[in-house]
Amino acid sequence: MATVSRVLNETGYVHEDTKKSVTAAIEKLNYSPNEVARSLYKRKSKLIGLLLPDITNPFFPLLARGVEDELRLHDFRLIFGNTDENPEKEKDYIQTFQQNNVIGMISMTNQLSKTTYQDLSIPVVFLDRTSSSLPSVYADGKEGGRIAAMEMIQRGSKRITLIKGPSHIQTAQDRFQGSLEVLSASEVDFYVMSTSSFSFEEAEKWAKELFKKYGDTDGVIASNDIVATAVLHEALRLEKSIPHDLQIIGFDDIPHSSLLFPPLSTIRQPAYEMGTEAAKLLMKLMKNNQMKEKSVQLPVMFIERSTTRKGEGHV
């Protein structure tokens, strides 16, 4: 057993002939080490915990795939939890991660107080979330909000509804503040509609409410692509002509945005790249826990499709 352990863990001396015999037996038996059992014995593992807020939102699997692909290049494995932005579920998953001896964690949810994460004995990186005290990777939401508002104005909307995302998610508030900044300095009329989540079921209700309250709106800046999709569905049900009667801009550029009819104009966040950057940052922290905390901000861009009209300077 000791000899096999030395071969598997590449520790200590093993004669080359013996190593070949052990390797041949491993291949013949199709043996692979139990990573959880090894971690319990060694109090160390190759496992990384990943917390998602809502796996049904297509944006978050894109982030997760970026994390996974980068970590696998370095022989790390993921275990993940879906919290539904529920603090109790978040606590339970963090406990489960600790029980499985994860050596690092990436969190896409920030319902819990930052002190909960600061008190952990492992490095933590926030992804698509911002923190003043912990490392984080996120897109430039404020600039994205500005771009969305400027594009909407440039393309001729005069009565714009700005949908404000969940107040507890800072990245959602950043994009809201960016749009608000531009709209407040413009000569267009605009309305603000508050929402509390990104779920499609809730978004359908808000879309109906939007057109009841602001029936004359001719432009909607949505808090994300899911909300924008719900607005588009309701507008078509009301037989509004898109984009002639109503322009819509989403946020994220999830895969189905280009498959809608008409295809959705949106602000693209580089989700996959954000995931890979979070994984890289976490690995740096795991190698050097004294490393200075820092954040990584990635750029966004406007993706023009068919829910917006051609603006000035556009063919």
Protein backbone atom coordinates (compact mmCIF):
# COMPACT_ATOMS: atom_id res chain seq x y z
CA MET A 1 0.00 0.00 0.00
CA ALA A 2 2.80 2.40 0.87
CA THR A 3 4.51 1.75 -2.46
CA VAL A 4 1.27 2.34 -4.41
CA SER A 5 0.71 5.54 -2.43
CA ARG A 6 4.20 6.80 -3.32
CA VAL A 7 3.55 6.12 -7.02
CA LEU A 8 0.13 7.81 -7.00
CA ASN A 9 1.30 10.85 -5.05
CA GLU A 10 4.75 11.01 -6.65
CA THR A 11 6.41 11.12 -3.24
CA GLY A 12 9.44 9.17 -2.05
CA TYR A 13 11.61 6.75 -4.00
CA VAL A 14 10.15 3.86 -6.02
CA HIS A 15 12.29 1.64 -8.29
CA GLU A 16 11.43 2.21 -11.95
CA ASP A 17 10.44 -1.45 -12.53
CA THR A 18 8.14 -1.33 -9.50
CA LYS A 19 6.62 1.93 -10.70
CA LYS A 20 5.86 0.33 -14.08
CA SER A 21 4.19 -2.64 -12.37
CA VAL A 22 2.01 -0.39 -10.22
CA THR A 23 1.07 1.77 -13.23
CA ALA A 24 0.16 -1.33 -15.26
CA ALA A 25 -2.07 -2.59 -12.42
CA ILE A 26 -3.77 0.81 -12.16
CA GLU A 27 -4.52 0.78 -15.89
CA LYS A 28 -5.72 -2.84 -15.85
CA LEU A 29 -8.08 -2.20 -12.92
CA ASN A 30 -9.14 1.19 -14.30
CA TYR A 31 -8.41 2.60 -10.84
CA SER A 32 -8.79 6.26 -9.92
CA PRO A 33 -8.21 7.70 -6.44
CA ASN A 34 -11.21 8.82 -4.40
CA GLU A 35 -10.54 12.56 -4.18
CA VAL A 36 -12.84 13.09 -1.19
CA ALA A 37 -11.26 10.21 0.74
CA ARG A 38 -7.79 11.51 -0.04
CA SER A 39 -8.76 14.98 1.10
CA LEU A 40 -10.13 13.65 4.40
CA TYR A 41 -6.88 11.79 5.03
CA LYS A 42 -4.52 14.56 3.96
CA ARG A 43 -6.68 17.51 5.02
CA LYS A 44 -5.92 18.81 1.56
CA SER A 45 -7.56 18.29 -1.82
CA LYS A 46 -7.75 19.36 -5.45
CA LEU A 47 -11.36 20.47 -4.99
CA ILE A 48 -12.72 23.99 -5.55
CA GLY A 49 -16.17 25.09 -4.38
CA LEU A 50 -18.35 27.12 -6.79
CA LEU A 51 -21.52 28.88 -5.61
CA LEU A 52 -24.12 29.78 -8.25
CA PRO A 53 -27.16 31.96 -7.53
CA ASP A 54 -29.49 30.36 -10.12
CA ILE A 55 -28.40 27.59 -12.45
CA THR A 56 -31.53 28.04 -14.59
CA ASN A 57 -30.29 31.48 -15.66
CA PRO A 58 -28.22 30.75 -18.82
CA PHE A 59 -25.68 33.45 -17.91
CA PHE A 60 -24.29 31.62 -14.88
CA PRO A 61 -23.42 28.31 -16.61
CA LEU A 62 -21.33 30.37 -19.05
CA LEU A 63 -19.35 31.76 -16.11
CA ALA A 64 -19.09 28.30 -14.55
CA ARG A 65 -17.78 26.78 -17.78
CA GLY A 66 -15.01 29.35 -17.91
CA VAL A 67 -14.08 28.52 -14.31
CA GLU A 68 -14.15 24.77 -14.92
CA ASP A 69 -12.13 24.78 -18.14
CA GLU A 70 -9.36 26.89 -16.60
CA LEU A 71 -9.18 24.85 -13.39
CA ARG A 72 -9.06 21.53 -15.26
CA LEU A 73 -5.97 22.73 -17.10
CA HIS A 74 -4.30 22.70 -13.67
CA ASP A 75 -5.85 19.43 -12.47
CA PHE A 76 -8.41 20.96 -10.09
CA ARG A 77 -12.01 19.75 -9.84
CA LEU A 78 -15.22 21.63 -9.05
CA ILE A 79 -18.06 20.92 -6.68
CA PHE A 80 -20.90 23.42 -6.91
CA GLY A 81 -24.04 24.55 -5.14
CA ASN A 82 -27.08 26.43 -6.44
CA THR A 83 -28.23 28.86 -3.73
CA ASP A 84 -31.29 30.50 -5.32
CA GLU A 85 -30.09 33.64 -3.48
CA ASN A 86 -31.24 31.92 -0.27
CA PRO A 87 -28.94 32.72 2.71
CA GLU A 88 -29.65 29.38 4.42
CA LYS A 89 -28.79 27.39 1.29
CA GLU A 90 -25.65 29.48 0.92
CA LYS A 91 -24.58 28.69 4.49
CA ASP A 92 -25.31 24.98 3.98
CA TYR A 93 -23.23 24.80 0.82
CA ILE A 94 -20.32 26.64 2.40
CA GLN A 95 -20.39 24.09 5.24
CA THR A 96 -20.50 21.24 2.73
CA PHE A 97 -17.52 22.69 0.87
CA GLN A 98 -15.57 22.92 4.13
CA GLN A 99 -16.48 19.34 5.06
CA ASN A 100 -15.08 18.21 1.72
CA ASN A 101 -11.86 20.14 2.36
CA VAL A 102 -12.06 22.44 -0.64
CA ILE A 103 -8.91 24.54 -0.94
CA GLY A 104 -10.58 27.56 -2.51
CA MET A 105 -13.99 28.95 -3.38
CA ILE A 106 -15.54 31.11 -6.10
CA SER A 107 -18.86 32.74 -5.23
CA MET A 108 -21.37 34.32 -7.61
CA THR A 109 -23.76 35.20 -4.81
CA ASN A 110 -23.43 37.78 -2.04
CA GLN A 111 -26.49 37.41 0.16
CA LEU A 112 -24.28 36.65 3.15
CA SER A 113 -22.28 39.36 4.88
CA LYS A 114 -18.72 39.77 3.68
CA THR A 115 -17.49 38.82 7.14
CA THR A 116 -18.77 35.28 6.54
CA TYR A 117 -16.32 34.94 3.67
CA GLN A 118 -13.49 36.83 5.38
CA ASP A 119 -13.66 34.41 8.31
CA LEU A 120 -13.11 31.38 6.08
CA SER A 121 -9.68 29.76 6.21
CA ILE A 122 -9.54 29.36 2.42
CA PRO A 123 -9.14 31.98 -0.33
CA VAL A 124 -12.37 33.27 -1.89
CA VAL A 125 -12.98 35.12 -5.16
CA PHE A 126 -16.28 36.80 -6.03
CA LEU A 127 -17.40 36.38 -9.65
CA ASP A 128 -19.90 38.76 -11.29
CA ARG A 129 -20.12 40.36 -7.87
CA THR A 130 -18.09 43.20 -6.40
CA SER A 131 -16.46 43.50 -3.00
CA SER A 132 -14.42 46.25 -1.39
CA SER A 133 -12.60 43.77 0.82
CA LEU A 134 -12.27 40.52 -1.17
CA PRO A 135 -10.89 39.77 -4.66
CA SER A 136 -13.53 39.88 -7.37
CA VAL A 137 -13.93 39.56 -11.14
CA TYR A 138 -16.72 41.45 -12.85
CA ALA A 139 -17.66 43.33 -16.02
CA ASP A 140 -17.90 47.11 -16.25
CA GLY A 141 -21.63 47.30 -15.57
CA LYS A 142 -21.69 51.06 -15.11
CA GLU A 143 -20.20 51.61 -18.55
CA GLY A 144 -22.62 49.02 -19.93
CA GLY A 145 -25.53 50.99 -18.50
CA ARG A 146 -24.20 54.18 -20.05
CA ILE A 147 -23.79 52.52 -23.45
CA ALA A 148 -27.34 51.11 -23.35
CA ALA A 149 -28.84 54.54 -22.55
CA MET A 150 -26.77 56.34 -25.19
CA GLU A 151 -27.67 53.79 -27.87
CA MET A 152 -31.37 54.02 -26.96
CA ILE A 153 -31.34 57.83 -27.18
CA GLN A 154 -29.25 57.88 -30.37
CA ARG A 155 -31.75 55.52 -32.01
CA GLY A 156 -34.65 57.84 -31.33
CA SER A 157 -36.53 56.69 -28.22
CA LYS A 158 -38.16 59.59 -26.34
CA ARG A 159 -40.02 57.85 -23.48
CA ILE A 160 -37.70 55.24 -22.01
CA THR A 161 -38.42 52.78 -19.22
CA LEU A 162 -35.33 51.83 -17.20
CA ILE A 163 -35.75 48.53 -15.34
CA LYS A 164 -33.79 48.55 -12.10
CA GLY A 165 -32.40 45.14 -11.14
CA PRO A 166 -32.28 43.57 -7.65
CA SER A 167 -31.11 46.09 -5.06
CA HIS A 168 -28.96 43.53 -3.19
CA ILE A 169 -26.81 42.79 -6.26
CA GLN A 170 -24.23 45.54 -6.71
CA THR A 171 -23.45 44.70 -10.34
CA ALA A 172 -27.13 45.18 -11.21
CA GLN A 173 -27.12 48.53 -9.46
CA ASP A 174 -23.97 49.56 -11.30
CA ARG A 175 -25.60 49.10 -14.70
CA PHE A 176 -28.73 50.90 -13.43
CA GLN A 177 -26.66 53.84 -12.19
CA GLY A 178 -24.82 54.04 -15.51
CA SER A 179 -28.07 54.29 -17.47
CA LEU A 180 -29.60 56.70 -14.95
CA GLU A 181 -26.59 59.00 -15.25
CA VAL A 182 -27.02 59.33 -19.03
CA LEU A 183 -30.82 59.56 -19.01
CA SER A 184 -30.82 62.23 -16.27
CA ALA A 185 -28.51 64.40 -18.35
CA SER A 186 -30.60 63.99 -21.51
CA GLU A 187 -33.78 65.66 -22.73
CA VAL A 188 -35.79 62.44 -23.04
CA ASP A 189 -38.57 61.43 -20.64
CA PHE A 190 -37.89 58.27 -18.68
CA TYR A 191 -39.47 56.06 -16.05
CA VAL A 192 -37.81 53.78 -13.49
CA MET A 193 -39.29 50.39 -12.65
CA SER A 194 -37.90 48.46 -9.66
CA THR A 195 -37.60 44.66 -9.69
CA SER A 196 -36.35 42.17 -7.10
CA SER A 197 -34.99 39.20 -9.08
CA PHE A 198 -33.86 38.00 -12.49
CA SER A 199 -36.23 35.00 -12.78
CA PHE A 200 -38.30 34.66 -15.95
CA GLU A 201 -41.51 33.93 -14.02
CA GLU A 202 -41.21 37.21 -12.13
CA ALA A 203 -40.10 39.03 -15.28
CA GLU A 204 -43.33 38.05 -17.05
CA LYS A 205 -45.36 39.79 -14.32
CA TRP A 206 -43.17 42.90 -14.48
CA ALA A 207 -43.50 43.05 -18.27
CA LYS A 208 -47.29 43.11 -18.00
CA GLU A 209 -47.07 45.75 -15.24
CA LEU A 210 -44.70 47.86 -17.33
CA PHE A 211 -47.12 48.27 -20.23
CA LYS A 212 -50.05 48.92 -17.89
CA LYS A 213 -48.17 51.69 -16.07
CA TYR A 214 -46.15 53.11 -18.94
CA GLY A 215 -48.17 52.31 -22.03
CA ASP A 216 -46.56 55.11 -24.01
CA THR A 217 -43.00 53.88 -23.49
CA ASP A 218 -41.06 53.52 -26.72
CA GLY A 219 -37.82 52.13 -25.31
CA VAL A 220 -36.94 49.63 -22.57
CA ILE A 221 -33.50 49.18 -21.02
CA ALA A 222 -33.81 45.83 -19.22
CA SER A 223 -31.79 44.69 -16.21
CA ASN A 224 -30.74 41.52 -18.05
CA ASP A 225 -31.59 39.42 -21.12
CA ILE A 226 -34.18 37.31 -19.30
CA VAL A 227 -36.16 40.41 -18.32
CA ALA A 228 -35.70 41.79 -21.85
CA THR A 229 -37.08 38.53 -23.28
CA ALA A 230 -40.19 38.81 -21.10
CA VAL A 231 -40.69 42.42 -22.23
CA LEU A 232 -40.30 41.36 -25.87
CA HIS A 233 -42.88 38.57 -25.50
CA GLU A 234 -45.40 40.90 -23.88
CA ALA A 235 -44.82 43.64 -26.47
CA LEU A 236 -45.46 41.18 -29.31
CA ARG A 237 -48.59 39.91 -27.54
CA LEU A 238 -49.80 43.52 -27.49
CA GLU A 239 -49.04 43.67 -31.22
CA LYS A 240 -46.38 46.33 -30.90
CA SER A 241 -44.02 46.62 -33.85
CA ILE A 242 -40.40 45.93 -32.83
CA PRO A 243 -38.31 48.09 -33.15
CA HIS A 244 -40.57 50.70 -34.84
CA ASP A 245 -42.97 51.15 -31.88
CA LEU A 246 -40.66 49.90 -29.15
CA GLN A 247 -36.92 49.39 -28.82
CA ILE A 248 -35.47 46.92 -26.28
CA ILE A 249 -31.91 46.49 -25.02
CA GLY A 250 -30.95 43.63 -22.70
CA PHE A 251 -27.81 42.91 -20.69
CA ASP A 252 -25.51 39.81 -20.70
CA ASP A 253 -25.79 38.42 -24.26
CA ILE A 254 -26.81 34.92 -23.18
CA PRO A 255 -26.92 32.36 -26.05
CA HIS A 256 -30.68 32.49 -26.68
CA SER A 257 -30.60 36.29 -27.22
CA SER A 258 -29.55 35.80 -30.86
CA LEU A 259 -32.20 33.09 -31.39
CA LEU A 260 -35.21 35.18 -30.36
CA PHE A 261 -37.48 36.69 -32.99
CA PRO A 262 -36.61 39.40 -33.48
CA PRO A 263 -33.06 38.82 -32.16
CA LEU A 264 -32.27 40.86 -29.05
CA SER A 265 -29.92 43.85 -29.01
CA THR A 266 -27.95 43.69 -25.77
CA ILE A 267 -24.86 44.65 -23.79
CA ARG A 268 -22.41 41.77 -23.89
CA GLN A 269 -20.61 40.70 -20.75
CA PRO A 270 -17.66 38.38 -21.56
CA ALA A 271 -19.01 35.63 -19.30
CA TYR A 272 -16.64 32.80 -20.24
CA GLU A 273 -13.60 35.07 -19.97
CA MET A 274 -14.83 36.31 -16.58
CA GLY A 275 -14.92 32.68 -15.39
CA THR A 276 -11.40 31.95 -16.57
CA GLU A 277 -10.09 35.15 -14.94
CA ALA A 278 -11.74 34.22 -11.63
CA ALA A 279 -10.09 30.78 -11.74
CA LYS A 280 -6.69 32.32 -12.48
CA LEU A 281 -7.06 34.81 -9.65
CA LEU A 282 -8.06 32.08 -7.21
CA MET A 283 -5.06 29.94 -8.15
CA LYS A 284 -2.74 32.89 -7.55
CA LEU A 285 -4.30 33.38 -4.12
CA MET A 286 -3.94 29.68 -3.30
CA LYS A 287 -0.24 29.84 -4.12
CA ASN A 288 0.33 32.95 -2.04
CA ASN A 289 -2.23 33.78 0.63
CA GLN A 290 -0.38 37.01 1.40
CA MET A 291 -0.94 38.28 -2.13
CA LYS A 292 -2.42 41.74 -2.21
CA GLU A 293 -6.18 41.64 -2.79
CA LYS A 294 -7.26 42.97 -6.12
CA SER A 295 -10.15 43.06 -8.53
CA VAL A 296 -10.35 42.35 -12.26
CA GLN A 297 -12.79 44.40 -14.35
CA LEU A 298 -13.53 43.31 -17.92
CA PRO A 299 -14.97 45.54 -20.69
CA VAL A 300 -18.49 45.28 -22.14
CA MET A 301 -19.79 46.06 -25.62
CA PHE A 302 -23.06 46.77 -27.41
CA ILE A 303 -24.36 43.96 -29.63
CA GLU A 304 -26.70 45.37 -32.26
CA ARG A 305 -29.49 43.08 -33.40
CA SER A 306 -33.11 43.64 -34.41
CA THR A 307 -34.81 45.07 -31.30
CA THR A 308 -33.19 48.46 -31.92
CA ARG A 309 -33.43 50.79 -34.89
CA LYS A 310 -30.45 52.00 -36.91
CA GLY A 311 -28.99 55.07 -35.22
CA GLU A 312 -27.11 58.03 -36.62
CA GLY A 313 -24.02 56.91 -38.45
CA HIS A 314 -25.45 53.38 -38.88
CA VAL A 315 -26.36 52.01 -42.29
